[in-house]
Amino acid sequence: MKANINILKNGLLVLIFAVLFFPLIQSQLKLIKIWPLHGDIVISENPVLSIDSWLQSTYQEKKEIYENSNFGFREVFVKLHNQIKFSLF
């Protein structure tokens, strides 16, 4: 009985880590083709690291904007969020 519970706990832990790391893997490898979003979307470019941008802290701000707009499955999450808001409200 105790072995079954440990197997279940380990399986759940692996499942949680897989769900958390799958967007990271998708953003790097593009395993699944996803239709792009349409509308008023500003595509940010990956900033270039330089000494000046690092010391003026502009690199981190631009990198944060880039990562927030280019993570894996962003399009799916945006569409899901909009559909939930539309359906509930």
PDB file of N, CA and C in Angstrom:
ATOM      1  N   MET A   1       0.823  -1.197   0.000  1.00  0.00           N
ATOM      2  CA  MET A   1       0.000   0.000   0.000  1.00  0.00           C
ATOM      3  C   MET A   1       0.862   1.254   0.000  1.00  0.00           C
ATOM      4  N   LYS A   2       1.908   1.248   0.819  1.00  0.00           N
ATOM      5  CA  LYS A   2       2.775   2.411   0.900  1.00  0.00           C
ATOM      6  C   LYS A   2       3.548   2.615  -0.398  1.00  0.00           C
ATOM      7  N   ALA A   3       3.890   1.518  -1.076  1.00  0.00           N
ATOM      8  CA  ALA A   3       4.618   1.625  -2.348  1.00  0.00           C
ATOM      9  C   ALA A   3       3.740   2.267  -3.413  1.00  0.00           C
ATOM     10  N   ASN A   4       2.438   1.959  -3.406  1.00  0.00           N
ATOM     11  CA  ASN A   4       1.517   2.552  -4.377  1.00  0.00           C
ATOM     12  C   ASN A   4       1.393   4.063  -4.175  1.00  0.00           C
ATOM     13  N   ILE A   5       1.371   4.475  -2.923  1.00  0.00           N
ATOM     14  CA  ILE A   5       1.274   5.904  -2.628  1.00  0.00           C
ATOM     15  C   ILE A   5       2.543   6.624  -3.079  1.00  0.00           C
ATOM     16  N   ASN A   6       3.705   6.011  -2.856  1.00  0.00           N
ATOM     17  CA  ASN A   6       4.962   6.624  -3.297  1.00  0.00           C
ATOM     18  C   ASN A   6       5.024   6.719  -4.813  1.00  0.00           C
ATOM     19  N   ILE A   7       4.552   5.705  -5.513  1.00  0.00           N
ATOM     20  CA  ILE A   7       4.521   5.733  -6.976  1.00  0.00           C
ATOM     21  C   ILE A   7       3.592   6.843  -7.449  1.00  0.00           C
ATOM     22  N   LEU A   8       2.448   6.985  -6.804  1.00  0.00           N
ATOM     23  CA  LEU A   8       1.495   8.032  -7.153  1.00  0.00           C
ATOM     24  C   LEU A   8       2.084   9.420  -6.910  1.00  0.00           C
ATOM     25  N   LYS A   9       2.755   9.610  -5.779  1.00  0.00           N
ATOM     26  CA  LYS A   9       3.378  10.901  -5.470  1.00  0.00           C
ATOM     27  C   LYS A   9       4.473  11.234  -6.475  1.00  0.00           C
ATOM     28  N   ASN A  10       5.306  10.257  -6.792  1.00  0.00           N
ATOM     29  CA  ASN A  10       6.376  10.493  -7.759  1.00  0.00           C
ATOM     30  C   ASN A  10       5.813  10.780  -9.145  1.00  0.00           C
ATOM     31  N   GLY A  11       4.763  10.085  -9.529  1.00  0.00           N
ATOM     32  CA  GLY A  11       4.125  10.330 -10.818  1.00  0.00           C
ATOM     33  C   GLY A  11       3.534  11.721 -10.894  1.00  0.00           C
ATOM     34  N   LEU A  12       2.896  12.160  -9.814  1.00  0.00           N
ATOM     35  CA  LEU A  12       2.336  13.510  -9.771  1.00  0.00           C
ATOM     36  C   LEU A  12       3.426  14.571  -9.827  1.00  0.00           C
ATOM     37  N   LEU A  13       4.534  14.323  -9.149  1.00  0.00           N
ATOM     38  CA  LEU A  13       5.645  15.265  -9.174  1.00  0.00           C
ATOM     39  C   LEU A  13       6.230  15.387 -10.575  1.00  0.00           C
ATOM     40  N   VAL A  14       6.398  14.269 -11.258  1.00  0.00           N
ATOM     41  CA  VAL A  14       6.897  14.290 -12.632  1.00  0.00           C
ATOM     42  C   VAL A  14       5.916  15.014 -13.539  1.00  0.00           C
ATOM     43  N   LEU A  15       4.626  14.796 -13.355  1.00  0.00           N
ATOM     44  CA  LEU A  15       3.611  15.465 -14.154  1.00  0.00           C
ATOM     45  C   LEU A  15       3.636  16.985 -13.939  1.00  0.00           C
ATOM     46  N   ILE A  16       3.788  17.407 -12.707  1.00  0.00           N
ATOM     47  CA  ILE A  16       3.847  18.846 -12.413  1.00  0.00           C
ATOM     48  C   ILE A  16       5.066  19.477 -13.063  1.00  0.00           C
ATOM     49  N   PHE A  17       6.224  18.829 -12.942  1.00  0.00           N
ATOM     50  CA  PHE A  17       7.427  19.367 -13.578  1.00  0.00           C
ATOM     51  C   PHE A  17       7.301  19.389 -15.091  1.00  0.00           C
ATOM     52  N   ALA A  18       6.668  18.383 -15.673  1.00  0.00           N
ATOM     53  CA  ALA A  18       6.484  18.363 -17.126  1.00  0.00           C
ATOM     54  C   ALA A  18       5.594  19.513 -17.572  1.00  0.00           C
ATOM     55  N   VAL A  19       4.530  19.783 -16.841  1.00  0.00           N
ATOM     56  CA  VAL A  19       3.626  20.882 -17.180  1.00  0.00           C
ATOM     57  C   VAL A  19       4.337  22.225 -17.041  1.00  0.00           C
ATOM     58  N   LEU A  20       5.193  22.358 -16.035  1.00  0.00           N
ATOM     59  CA  LEU A  20       5.896  23.623 -15.833  1.00  0.00           C
ATOM     60  C   LEU A  20       7.005  23.849 -16.861  1.00  0.00           C
ATOM     61  N   PHE A  21       7.665  22.784 -17.304  1.00  0.00           N
ATOM     62  CA  PHE A  21       8.785  22.944 -18.218  1.00  0.00           C
ATOM     63  C   PHE A  21       8.388  22.856 -19.683  1.00  0.00           C
ATOM     64  N   PHE A  22       7.181  22.405 -19.993  1.00  0.00           N
ATOM     65  CA  PHE A  22       6.791  22.271 -21.391  1.00  0.00           C
ATOM     66  C   PHE A  22       6.738  23.610 -22.125  1.00  0.00           C
ATOM     67  N   PRO A  23       6.260  24.722 -21.529  1.00  0.00           N
ATOM     68  CA  PRO A  23       6.349  26.003 -22.238  1.00  0.00           C
ATOM     69  C   PRO A  23       7.787  26.436 -22.518  1.00  0.00           C
ATOM     70  N   LEU A  24       8.702  26.150 -21.605  1.00  0.00           N
ATOM     71  CA  LEU A  24      10.107  26.470 -21.841  1.00  0.00           C
ATOM     72  C   LEU A  24      10.657  25.664 -23.010  1.00  0.00           C
ATOM     73  N   ILE A  25      10.338  24.392 -23.051  1.00  0.00           N
ATOM     74  CA  ILE A  25      10.787  23.538 -24.152  1.00  0.00           C
ATOM     75  C   ILE A  25      10.160  23.994 -25.458  1.00  0.00           C
ATOM     76  N   GLN A  26       8.889  24.362 -25.435  1.00  0.00           N
ATOM     77  CA  GLN A  26       8.208  24.827 -26.645  1.00  0.00           C
ATOM     78  C   GLN A  26       8.822  26.121 -27.162  1.00  0.00           C
ATOM     79  N   SER A  27       9.184  27.028 -26.265  1.00  0.00           N
ATOM     80  CA  SER A  27       9.747  28.294 -26.721  1.00  0.00           C
ATOM     81  C   SER A  27      11.124  28.108 -27.341  1.00  0.00           C
ATOM     82  N   GLN A  28      11.863  27.098 -26.913  1.00  0.00           N
ATOM     83  CA  GLN A  28      13.193  26.874 -27.457  1.00  0.00           C
ATOM     84  C   GLN A  28      13.177  26.001 -28.709  1.00  0.00           C
ATOM     85  N   LEU A  29      12.362  24.941 -28.725  1.00  0.00           N
ATOM     86  CA  LEU A  29      12.420  23.952 -29.801  1.00  0.00           C
ATOM     87  C   LEU A  29      11.278  24.040 -30.807  1.00  0.00           C
ATOM     88  N   LYS A  30      10.186  24.726 -30.467  1.00  0.00           N
ATOM     89  CA  LYS A  30       9.013  24.850 -31.342  1.00  0.00           C
ATOM     90  C   LYS A  30       8.531  23.466 -31.804  1.00  0.00           C
ATOM     91  N   LEU A  31       8.236  22.597 -30.842  1.00  0.00           N
ATOM     92  CA  LEU A  31       7.800  21.239 -31.148  1.00  0.00           C
ATOM     93  C   LEU A  31       6.427  21.198 -31.802  1.00  0.00           C
ATOM     94  N   ILE A  32       5.536  22.065 -31.373  1.00  0.00           N
ATOM     95  CA  ILE A  32       4.163  22.083 -31.868  1.00  0.00           C
ATOM     96  C   ILE A  32       3.938  23.398 -32.607  1.00  0.00           C
ATOM     97  N   LYS A  33       3.402  23.301 -33.824  1.00  0.00           N
ATOM     98  CA  LYS A  33       3.124  24.513 -34.591  1.00  0.00           C
ATOM     99  C   LYS A  33       1.837  25.141 -34.076  1.00  0.00           C
ATOM    100  N   ILE A  34       1.907  26.426 -33.760  1.00  0.00           N
ATOM    101  CA  ILE A  34       0.770  27.154 -33.202  1.00  0.00           C
ATOM    102  C   ILE A  34       0.474  28.335 -34.101  1.00  0.00           C
ATOM    103  N   TRP A  35      -0.821  28.562 -34.381  1.00  0.00           N
ATOM    104  CA  TRP A  35      -1.227  29.687 -35.208  1.00  0.00           C
ATOM    105  C   TRP A  35      -0.929  30.982 -34.473  1.00  0.00           C
ATOM    106  N   PRO A  36      -0.393  31.974 -35.170  1.00  0.00           N
ATOM    107  CA  PRO A  36      -0.075  33.250 -34.508  1.00  0.00           C
ATOM    108  C   PRO A  36      -1.335  34.034 -34.172  1.00  0.00           C
ATOM    109  N   LEU A  37      -1.187  34.956 -33.246  1.00  0.00           N
ATOM    110  CA  LEU A  37      -2.287  35.843 -32.892  1.00  0.00           C
ATOM    111  C   LEU A  37      -2.440  36.912 -33.963  1.00  0.00           C
ATOM    112  N   HIS A  38      -3.669  37.367 -34.151  1.00  0.00           N
ATOM    113  CA  HIS A  38      -3.950  38.430 -35.103  1.00  0.00           C
ATOM    114  C   HIS A  38      -4.449  39.641 -34.331  1.00  0.00           C
ATOM    115  N   GLY A  39      -4.215  40.801 -34.854  1.00  0.00           N
ATOM    116  CA  GLY A  39      -4.698  42.007 -34.207  1.00  0.00           C
ATOM    117  C   GLY A  39      -3.563  42.963 -33.915  1.00  0.00           C
ATOM    118  N   ASP A  40      -3.770  43.761 -32.899  1.00  0.00           N
ATOM    119  CA  ASP A  40      -2.805  44.789 -32.531  1.00  0.00           C
ATOM    120  C   ASP A  40      -1.726  44.177 -31.647  1.00  0.00           C
ATOM    121  N   ILE A  41      -0.715  43.587 -32.273  1.00  0.00           N
ATOM    122  CA  ILE A  41       0.353  42.912 -31.551  1.00  0.00           C
ATOM    123  C   ILE A  41       1.681  43.556 -31.929  1.00  0.00           C
ATOM    124  N   VAL A  42       2.442  43.913 -30.921  1.00  0.00           N
ATOM    125  CA  VAL A  42       3.768  44.474 -31.141  1.00  0.00           C
ATOM    126  C   VAL A  42       4.775  43.370 -30.849  1.00  0.00           C
ATOM    127  N   ILE A  43       5.537  42.993 -31.860  1.00  0.00           N
ATOM    128  CA  ILE A  43       6.532  41.947 -31.691  1.00  0.00           C
ATOM    129  C   ILE A  43       7.834  42.594 -31.232  1.00  0.00           C
ATOM    130  N   SER A  44       8.263  42.224 -30.042  1.00  0.00           N
ATOM    131  CA  SER A  44       9.503  42.800 -29.519  1.00  0.00           C
ATOM    132  C   SER A  44      10.686  41.946 -29.962  1.00  0.00           C
ATOM    133  N   GLU A  45      11.809  42.600 -30.140  1.00  0.00           N
ATOM    134  CA  GLU A  45      13.014  41.907 -30.583  1.00  0.00           C
ATOM    135  C   GLU A  45      13.889  41.567 -29.390  1.00  0.00           C
ATOM    136  N   ASN A  46      14.670  40.503 -29.554  1.00  0.00           N
ATOM    137  CA  ASN A  46      15.583  40.073 -28.509  1.00  0.00           C
ATOM    138  C   ASN A  46      16.699  41.111 -28.379  1.00  0.00           C
ATOM    139  N   PRO A  47      16.878  41.703 -27.187  1.00  0.00           N
ATOM    140  CA  PRO A  47      17.898  42.744 -27.045  1.00  0.00           C
ATOM    141  C   PRO A  47      19.310  42.166 -27.098  1.00  0.00           C
ATOM    142  N   VAL A  48      20.228  42.998 -27.546  1.00  0.00           N
ATOM    143  CA  VAL A  48      21.631  42.611 -27.617  1.00  0.00           C
ATOM    144  C   VAL A  48      22.316  43.047 -26.327  1.00  0.00           C
ATOM    145  N   LEU A  49      23.037  42.129 -25.733  1.00  0.00           N
ATOM    146  CA  LEU A  49      23.738  42.422 -24.486  1.00  0.00           C
ATOM    147  C   LEU A  49      25.005  43.219 -24.773  1.00  0.00           C
ATOM    148  N   SER A  50      25.132  44.347 -24.104  1.00  0.00           N
ATOM    149  CA  SER A  50      26.345  45.150 -24.193  1.00  0.00           C
ATOM    150  C   SER A  50      26.649  45.690 -22.798  1.00  0.00           C
ATOM    151  N   ILE A  51      27.837  46.188 -22.638  1.00  0.00           N
ATOM    152  CA  ILE A  51      28.238  46.708 -21.327  1.00  0.00           C
ATOM    153  C   ILE A  51      27.379  47.913 -20.949  1.00  0.00           C
ATOM    154  N   ASP A  52      27.127  48.800 -21.909  1.00  0.00           N
ATOM    155  CA  ASP A  52      26.324  49.987 -21.627  1.00  0.00           C
ATOM    156  C   ASP A  52      24.892  49.626 -21.239  1.00  0.00           C
ATOM    157  N   SER A  53      24.292  48.710 -21.998  1.00  0.00           N
ATOM    158  CA  SER A  53      22.906  48.343 -21.679  1.00  0.00           C
ATOM    159  C   SER A  53      22.830  47.615 -20.345  1.00  0.00           C
ATOM    160  N   TRP A  54      23.866  46.873 -19.988  1.00  0.00           N
ATOM    161  CA  TRP A  54      23.874  46.180 -18.706  1.00  0.00           C
ATOM    162  C   TRP A  54      24.004  47.190 -17.556  1.00  0.00           C
ATOM    163  N   LEU A  55      24.908  48.135 -17.696  1.00  0.00           N
ATOM    164  CA  LEU A  55      25.138  49.102 -16.624  1.00  0.00           C
ATOM    165  C   LEU A  55      23.995  50.099 -16.471  1.00  0.00           C
ATOM    166  N   GLN A  56      23.293  50.397 -17.551  1.00  0.00           N
ATOM    167  CA  GLN A  56      22.161  51.321 -17.480  1.00  0.00           C
ATOM    168  C   GLN A  56      20.857  50.596 -17.174  1.00  0.00           C
ATOM    169  N   SER A  57      20.921  49.296 -17.017  1.00  0.00           N
ATOM    170  CA  SER A  57      19.789  48.408 -16.708  1.00  0.00           C
ATOM    171  C   SER A  57      18.675  48.443 -17.761  1.00  0.00           C
ATOM    172  N   THR A  58      19.015  48.814 -18.978  1.00  0.00           N
ATOM    173  CA  THR A  58      18.020  48.755 -20.044  1.00  0.00           C
ATOM    174  C   THR A  58      17.935  47.367 -20.637  1.00  0.00           C
ATOM    175  N   TYR A  59      19.014  46.598 -20.527  1.00  0.00           N
ATOM    176  CA  TYR A  59      18.999  45.233 -21.060  1.00  0.00           C
ATOM    177  C   TYR A  59      17.956  44.385 -20.346  1.00  0.00           C
ATOM    178  N   GLN A  60      17.934  44.458 -19.035  1.00  0.00           N
ATOM    179  CA  GLN A  60      16.995  43.643 -18.271  1.00  0.00           C
ATOM    180  C   GLN A  60      15.552  44.015 -18.581  1.00  0.00           C
ATOM    181  N   GLU A  61      15.266  45.289 -18.716  1.00  0.00           N
ATOM    182  CA  GLU A  61      13.901  45.722 -19.024  1.00  0.00           C
ATOM    183  C   GLU A  61      13.465  45.229 -20.394  1.00  0.00           C
ATOM    184  N   LYS A  62      14.339  45.371 -21.390  1.00  0.00           N
ATOM    185  CA  LYS A  62      13.994  44.913 -22.735  1.00  0.00           C
ATOM    186  C   LYS A  62      13.910  43.396 -22.805  1.00  0.00           C
ATOM    187  N   LYS A  63      14.782  42.707 -22.075  1.00  0.00           N
ATOM    188  CA  LYS A  63      14.763  41.239 -22.065  1.00  0.00           C
ATOM    189  C   LYS A  63      13.488  40.727 -21.394  1.00  0.00           C
ATOM    190  N   GLU A  64      13.050  41.407 -20.350  1.00  0.00           N
ATOM    191  CA  GLU A  64      11.814  41.018 -19.677  1.00  0.00           C
ATOM    192  C   GLU A  64      10.611  41.172 -20.595  1.00  0.00           C
ATOM    193  N   ILE A  65      10.557  42.269 -21.333  1.00  0.00           N
ATOM    194  CA  ILE A  65       9.470  42.485 -22.296  1.00  0.00           C
ATOM    195  C   ILE A  65       9.506  41.422 -23.381  1.00  0.00           C
ATOM    196  N   TYR A  66      10.709  41.106 -23.863  1.00  0.00           N
ATOM    197  CA  TYR A  66      10.858  40.081 -24.898  1.00  0.00           C
ATOM    198  C   TYR A  66      10.407  38.715 -24.393  1.00  0.00           C
ATOM    199  N   GLU A  67      10.831  38.322 -23.207  1.00  0.00           N
ATOM    200  CA  GLU A  67      10.477  37.011 -22.666  1.00  0.00           C
ATOM    201  C   GLU A  67       8.976  36.915 -22.365  1.00  0.00           C
ATOM    202  N   ASN A  68       8.375  37.999 -21.897  1.00  0.00           N
ATOM    203  CA  ASN A  68       6.938  37.972 -21.610  1.00  0.00           C
ATOM    204  C   ASN A  68       6.099  37.868 -22.869  1.00  0.00           C
ATOM    205  N   SER A  69       6.622  38.312 -23.990  1.00  0.00           N
ATOM    206  CA  SER A  69       5.840  38.264 -25.221  1.00  0.00           C
ATOM    207  C   SER A  69       6.243  37.117 -26.140  1.00  0.00           C
ATOM    208  N   ASN A  70       7.208  36.291 -25.751  1.00  0.00           N
ATOM    209  CA  ASN A  70       7.676  35.218 -26.622  1.00  0.00           C
ATOM    210  C   ASN A  70       7.852  33.881 -25.920  1.00  0.00           C
ATOM    211  N   PHE A  71       7.142  33.620 -24.841  1.00  0.00           N
ATOM    212  CA  PHE A  71       7.281  32.322 -24.197  1.00  0.00           C
ATOM    213  C   PHE A  71       6.427  31.281 -24.911  1.00  0.00           C
ATOM    214  N   GLY A  72       6.725  30.029 -24.679  1.00  0.00           N
ATOM    215  CA  GLY A  72       6.034  28.946 -25.363  1.00  0.00           C
ATOM    216  C   GLY A  72       4.554  28.887 -25.015  1.00  0.00           C
ATOM    217  N   PHE A  73       3.730  28.651 -26.005  1.00  0.00           N
ATOM    218  CA  PHE A  73       2.276  28.545 -25.886  1.00  0.00           C
ATOM    219  C   PHE A  73       1.620  29.857 -25.471  1.00  0.00           C
ATOM    220  N   ARG A  74       2.268  30.986 -25.684  1.00  0.00           N
ATOM    221  CA  ARG A  74       1.662  32.267 -25.342  1.00  0.00           C
ATOM    222  C   ARG A  74       0.361  32.468 -26.100  1.00  0.00           C
ATOM    223  N   GLU A  75       0.360  32.133 -27.379  1.00  0.00           N
ATOM    224  CA  GLU A  75      -0.833  32.309 -28.198  1.00  0.00           C
ATOM    225  C   GLU A  75      -2.001  31.501 -27.646  1.00  0.00           C
ATOM    226  N   VAL A  76      -1.729  30.277 -27.240  1.00  0.00           N
ATOM    227  CA  VAL A  76      -2.775  29.410 -26.694  1.00  0.00           C
ATOM    228  C   VAL A  76      -3.311  29.985 -25.389  1.00  0.00           C
ATOM    229  N   PHE A  77      -2.409  30.440 -24.524  1.00  0.00           N
ATOM    230  CA  PHE A  77      -2.841  30.995 -23.243  1.00  0.00           C
ATOM    231  C   PHE A  77      -3.624  32.287 -23.419  1.00  0.00           C
ATOM    232  N   VAL A  78      -3.235  33.128 -24.362  1.00  0.00           N
ATOM    233  CA  VAL A  78      -3.965  34.368 -24.612  1.00  0.00           C
ATOM    234  C   VAL A  78      -5.368  34.056 -25.130  1.00  0.00           C
ATOM    235  N   LYS A  79      -5.462  33.128 -26.075  1.00  0.00           N
ATOM    236  CA  LYS A  79      -6.775  32.752 -26.616  1.00  0.00           C
ATOM    237  C   LYS A  79      -7.655  32.115 -25.546  1.00  0.00           C
ATOM    238  N   LEU A  80      -7.074  31.256 -24.710  1.00  0.00           N
ATOM    239  CA  LEU A  80      -7.831  30.624 -23.634  1.00  0.00           C
ATOM    240  C   LEU A  80      -8.309  31.655 -22.623  1.00  0.00           C
ATOM    241  N   HIS A  81      -7.446  32.584 -22.261  1.00  0.00           N
ATOM    242  CA  HIS A  81      -7.821  33.638 -21.317  1.00  0.00           C
ATOM    243  C   HIS A  81      -8.964  34.489 -21.869  1.00  0.00           C
ATOM    244  N   ASN A  82      -8.840  34.872 -23.139  1.00  0.00           N
ATOM    245  CA  ASN A  82      -9.891  35.685 -23.745  1.00  0.00           C
ATOM    246  C   ASN A  82     -11.210  34.924 -23.851  1.00  0.00           C
ATOM    247  N   GLN A  83     -11.159  33.638 -24.162  1.00  0.00           N
ATOM    248  CA  GLN A  83     -12.378  32.856 -24.262  1.00  0.00           C
ATOM    249  C   GLN A  83     -13.051  32.694 -22.901  1.00  0.00           C
ATOM    250  N   ILE A  84     -12.260  32.488 -21.865  1.00  0.00           N
ATOM    251  CA  ILE A  84     -12.839  32.371 -20.519  1.00  0.00           C
ATOM    252  C   ILE A  84     -13.487  33.686 -20.109  1.00  0.00           C
ATOM    253  N   LYS A  85     -12.809  34.807 -20.346  1.00  0.00           N
ATOM    254  CA  LYS A  85     -13.407  36.105 -20.014  1.00  0.00           C
ATOM    255  C   LYS A  85     -14.687  36.352 -20.804  1.00  0.00           C
ATOM    256  N   PHE A  86     -14.684  35.979 -22.085  1.00  0.00           N
ATOM    257  CA  PHE A  86     -15.874  36.182 -22.915  1.00  0.00           C
ATOM    258  C   PHE A  86     -17.024  35.310 -22.433  1.00  0.00           C
ATOM    259  N   SER A  87     -16.738  34.060 -22.107  1.00  0.00           N
ATOM    260  CA  SER A  87     -17.792  33.128 -21.704  1.00  0.00           C
ATOM    261  C   SER A  87     -18.371  33.468 -20.335  1.00  0.00           C
ATOM    262  N   LEU A  88     -17.552  33.918 -19.408  1.00  0.00           N
ATOM    263  CA  LEU A  88     -18.023  34.176 -18.061  1.00  0.00           C
ATOM    264  C   LEU A  88     -18.636  35.559 -17.892  1.00  0.00           C
ATOM    265  N   PHE A  89     -18.142  36.527 -18.628  1.00  0.00           N
ATOM    266  CA  PHE A  89     -18.607  37.894 -18.405  1.00  0.00           C
ATOM    267  C   PHE A  89     -19.330  38.422 -19.613  1.00  0.00           C
TER     268      PHE A  89
END
